Amino acid sequence: EKEKAVQLQRFSPEARQQFEVYAKKCEGVHHRNAHKLRGVHNL
């Protein structure tokens, strides 16, 4: 987390804002696909 914070400080304000937008989109995709990591479950 510390390394992430340091890297974000190096970004311009516009790049930091774009990074945050893409990070939120990636988190959404991750949450939608999380069930795939658990494998097949028969009901």
PDB file of N, CA and C in Angstrom:
ATOM      1  N   GLU A   1       0.822  -1.194   0.000  1.00  0.00           N
ATOM      2  CA  GLU A   1       0.000   0.000   0.000  1.00  0.00           C
ATOM      3  C   GLU A   1       0.866   1.258   0.000  1.00  0.00           C
ATOM      4  N   LYS A   2       1.967   1.205   0.721  1.00  0.00           N
ATOM      5  CA  LYS A   2       2.849   2.373   0.765  1.00  0.00           C
ATOM      6  C   LYS A   2       3.434   2.649  -0.618  1.00  0.00           C
ATOM      7  N   GLU A   3       3.839   1.584  -1.308  1.00  0.00           N
ATOM      8  CA  GLU A   3       4.392   1.744  -2.650  1.00  0.00           C
ATOM      9  C   GLU A   3       3.347   2.309  -3.609  1.00  0.00           C
ATOM     10  N   LYS A   4       2.105   1.867  -3.458  1.00  0.00           N
ATOM     11  CA  LYS A   4       1.024   2.372  -4.304  1.00  0.00           C
ATOM     12  C   LYS A   4       0.827   3.865  -4.074  1.00  0.00           C
ATOM     13  N   ALA A   5       0.847   4.288  -2.821  1.00  0.00           N
ATOM     14  CA  ALA A   5       0.665   5.698  -2.499  1.00  0.00           C
ATOM     15  C   ALA A   5       1.796   6.539  -3.075  1.00  0.00           C
ATOM     16  N   VAL A   6       3.013   6.031  -2.987  1.00  0.00           N
ATOM     17  CA  VAL A   6       4.164   6.758  -3.534  1.00  0.00           C
ATOM     18  C   VAL A   6       4.028   6.885  -5.043  1.00  0.00           C
ATOM     19  N   GLN A   7       3.636   5.807  -5.697  1.00  0.00           N
ATOM     20  CA  GLN A   7       3.478   5.841  -7.151  1.00  0.00           C
ATOM     21  C   GLN A   7       2.367   6.807  -7.558  1.00  0.00           C
ATOM     22  N   LEU A   8       1.262   6.812  -6.836  1.00  0.00           N
ATOM     23  CA  LEU A   8       0.164   7.724  -7.166  1.00  0.00           C
ATOM     24  C   LEU A   8       0.587   9.178  -7.042  1.00  0.00           C
ATOM     25  N   GLN A   9       1.469   9.481  -6.113  1.00  0.00           N
ATOM     26  CA  GLN A   9       1.935  10.858  -5.943  1.00  0.00           C
ATOM     27  C   GLN A   9       2.761  11.320  -7.139  1.00  0.00           C
ATOM     28  N   ARG A  10       3.336  10.390  -7.860  1.00  0.00           N
ATOM     29  CA  ARG A  10       4.144  10.738  -9.036  1.00  0.00           C
ATOM     30  C   ARG A  10       3.281  11.081 -10.241  1.00  0.00           C
ATOM     31  N   PHE A  11       2.034  10.655 -10.234  1.00  0.00           N
ATOM     32  CA  PHE A  11       1.132  10.921 -11.354  1.00  0.00           C
ATOM     33  C   PHE A  11       0.689  12.379 -11.347  1.00  0.00           C
ATOM     34  N   SER A  12       0.383  12.880 -12.536  1.00  0.00           N
ATOM     35  CA  SER A  12      -0.235  14.200 -12.624  1.00  0.00           C
ATOM     36  C   SER A  12      -1.660  14.089 -12.092  1.00  0.00           C
ATOM     37  N   PRO A  13      -2.285  15.210 -11.745  1.00  0.00           N
ATOM     38  CA  PRO A  13      -3.672  15.133 -11.245  1.00  0.00           C
ATOM     39  C   PRO A  13      -4.624  14.450 -12.229  1.00  0.00           C
ATOM     40  N   GLU A  14      -4.441  14.715 -13.524  1.00  0.00           N
ATOM     41  CA  GLU A  14      -5.305  14.087 -14.521  1.00  0.00           C
ATOM     42  C   GLU A  14      -5.069  12.582 -14.584  1.00  0.00           C
ATOM     43  N   ALA A  15      -3.809  12.176 -14.540  1.00  0.00           N
ATOM     44  CA  ALA A  15      -3.484  10.750 -14.583  1.00  0.00           C
ATOM     45  C   ALA A  15      -3.976  10.047 -13.328  1.00  0.00           C
ATOM     46  N   ARG A  16      -3.869  10.710 -12.185  1.00  0.00           N
ATOM     47  CA  ARG A  16      -4.342  10.125 -10.925  1.00  0.00           C
ATOM     48  C   ARG A  16      -5.848   9.909 -10.980  1.00  0.00           C
ATOM     49  N   GLN A  17      -6.572  10.886 -11.522  1.00  0.00           N
ATOM     50  CA  GLN A  17      -8.025  10.762 -11.630  1.00  0.00           C
ATOM     51  C   GLN A  17      -8.392   9.614 -12.577  1.00  0.00           C
ATOM     52  N   GLN A  18      -7.695   9.516 -13.704  1.00  0.00           N
ATOM     53  CA  GLN A  18      -7.959   8.435 -14.651  1.00  0.00           C
ATOM     54  C   GLN A  18      -7.637   7.084 -14.017  1.00  0.00           C
ATOM     55  N   PHE A  19      -6.558   7.007 -13.271  1.00  0.00           N
ATOM     56  CA  PHE A  19      -6.191   5.764 -12.589  1.00  0.00           C
ATOM     57  C   PHE A  19      -7.295   5.342 -11.635  1.00  0.00           C
ATOM     58  N   GLU A  20      -7.833   6.275 -10.871  1.00  0.00           N
ATOM     59  CA  GLU A  20      -8.897   5.951  -9.916  1.00  0.00           C
ATOM     60  C   GLU A  20     -10.145   5.441 -10.632  1.00  0.00           C
ATOM     61  N   VAL A  21     -10.484   6.048 -11.765  1.00  0.00           N
ATOM     62  CA  VAL A  21     -11.651   5.603 -12.534  1.00  0.00           C
ATOM     63  C   VAL A  21     -11.451   4.170 -13.016  1.00  0.00           C
ATOM     64  N   TYR A  22     -10.280   3.894 -13.587  1.00  0.00           N
ATOM     65  CA  TYR A  22     -10.005   2.543 -14.081  1.00  0.00           C
ATOM     66  C   TYR A  22      -9.909   1.541 -12.939  1.00  0.00           C
ATOM     67  N   ALA A  23      -9.377   1.957 -11.804  1.00  0.00           N
ATOM     68  CA  ALA A  23      -9.281   1.057 -10.648  1.00  0.00           C
ATOM     69  C   ALA A  23     -10.674   0.634 -10.188  1.00  0.00           C
ATOM     70  N   LYS A  24     -11.611   1.572 -10.158  1.00  0.00           N
ATOM     71  CA  LYS A  24     -12.984   1.240  -9.762  1.00  0.00           C
ATOM     72  C   LYS A  24     -13.633   0.297 -10.768  1.00  0.00           C
ATOM     73  N   LYS A  25     -13.374   0.516 -12.058  1.00  0.00           N
ATOM     74  CA  LYS A  25     -13.923  -0.382 -13.076  1.00  0.00           C
ATOM     75  C   LYS A  25     -13.345  -1.786 -12.925  1.00  0.00           C
ATOM     76  N   CYS A  26     -12.056  -1.876 -12.660  1.00  0.00           N
ATOM     77  CA  CYS A  26     -11.416  -3.190 -12.479  1.00  0.00           C
ATOM     78  C   CYS A  26     -11.969  -3.904 -11.257  1.00  0.00           C
ATOM     79  N   GLU A  27     -12.203  -3.173 -10.189  1.00  0.00           N
ATOM     80  CA  GLU A  27     -12.780  -3.784  -8.986  1.00  0.00           C
ATOM     81  C   GLU A  27     -14.161  -4.351  -9.292  1.00  0.00           C
ATOM     82  N   GLY A  28     -14.948  -3.623 -10.081  1.00  0.00           N
ATOM     83  CA  GLY A  28     -16.274  -4.104 -10.459  1.00  0.00           C
ATOM     84  C   GLY A  28     -16.205  -5.396 -11.249  1.00  0.00           C
ATOM     85  N   VAL A  29     -15.292  -5.455 -12.203  1.00  0.00           N
ATOM     86  CA  VAL A  29     -15.116  -6.677 -12.992  1.00  0.00           C
ATOM     87  C   VAL A  29     -14.669  -7.817 -12.087  1.00  0.00           C
ATOM     88  N   HIS A  30     -13.753  -7.537 -11.187  1.00  0.00           N
ATOM     89  CA  HIS A  30     -13.263  -8.564 -10.266  1.00  0.00           C
ATOM     90  C   HIS A  30     -14.405  -9.127  -9.421  1.00  0.00           C
ATOM     91  N   HIS A  31     -15.259  -8.258  -8.908  1.00  0.00           N
ATOM     92  CA  HIS A  31     -16.368  -8.724  -8.071  1.00  0.00           C
ATOM     93  C   HIS A  31     -17.383  -9.529  -8.881  1.00  0.00           C
ATOM     94  N   ARG A  32     -17.601  -9.130 -10.134  1.00  0.00           N
ATOM     95  CA  ARG A  32     -18.543  -9.881 -10.966  1.00  0.00           C
ATOM     96  C   ARG A  32     -18.002 -11.256 -11.336  1.00  0.00           C
ATOM     97  N   ASN A  33     -16.687 -11.391 -11.412  1.00  0.00           N
ATOM     98  CA  ASN A  33     -16.082 -12.656 -11.828  1.00  0.00           C
ATOM     99  C   ASN A  33     -15.550 -13.483 -10.667  1.00  0.00           C
ATOM    100  N   ALA A  34     -15.712 -13.033  -9.452  1.00  0.00           N
ATOM    101  CA  ALA A  34     -15.147 -13.725  -8.290  1.00  0.00           C
ATOM    102  C   ALA A  34     -15.677 -15.149  -8.167  1.00  0.00           C
ATOM    103  N   HIS A  35     -16.915 -15.383  -8.575  1.00  0.00           N
ATOM    104  CA  HIS A  35     -17.479 -16.728  -8.464  1.00  0.00           C
ATOM    105  C   HIS A  35     -16.718 -17.736  -9.326  1.00  0.00           C
ATOM    106  N   LYS A  36     -16.069 -17.274 -10.371  1.00  0.00           N
ATOM    107  CA  LYS A  36     -15.334 -18.172 -11.257  1.00  0.00           C
ATOM    108  C   LYS A  36     -14.094 -18.744 -10.573  1.00  0.00           C
ATOM    109  N   LEU A  37     -13.559 -18.037  -9.609  1.00  0.00           N
ATOM    110  CA  LEU A  37     -12.374 -18.506  -8.898  1.00  0.00           C
ATOM    111  C   LEU A  37     -12.685 -19.670  -7.973  1.00  0.00           C
ATOM    112  N   ARG A  38     -13.933 -19.787  -7.554  1.00  0.00           N
ATOM    113  CA  ARG A  38     -14.335 -20.845  -6.624  1.00  0.00           C
ATOM    114  C   ARG A  38     -14.600 -22.169  -7.320  1.00  0.00           C
ATOM    115  N   GLY A  39     -14.693 -22.170  -8.627  1.00  0.00           N
ATOM    116  CA  GLY A  39     -14.915 -23.407  -9.367  1.00  0.00           C
ATOM    117  C   GLY A  39     -16.393 -23.688  -9.590  1.00  0.00           C
ATOM    118  N   VAL A  40     -16.667 -24.855 -10.143  1.00  0.00           N
ATOM    119  CA  VAL A  40     -18.025 -25.257 -10.493  1.00  0.00           C
ATOM    120  C   VAL A  40     -18.744 -25.761  -9.246  1.00  0.00           C
ATOM    121  N   HIS A  41     -19.973 -25.301  -9.075  1.00  0.00           N
ATOM    122  CA  HIS A  41     -20.821 -25.760  -7.972  1.00  0.00           C
ATOM    123  C   HIS A  41     -22.135 -26.246  -8.561  1.00  0.00           C
ATOM    124  N   ASN A  42     -22.426 -27.512  -8.384  1.00  0.00           N
ATOM    125  CA  ASN A  42     -23.703 -28.052  -8.847  1.00  0.00           C
ATOM    126  C   ASN A  42     -24.754 -27.843  -7.771  1.00  0.00           C
ATOM    127  N   LEU A  43     -25.912 -27.413  -8.216  1.00  0.00           N
ATOM    128  CA  LEU A  43     -27.006 -27.186  -7.268  1.00  0.00           C
ATOM    129  C   LEU A  43     -27.800 -28.444  -7.048  1.00  0.00           C
TER     130      LEU A  43
END
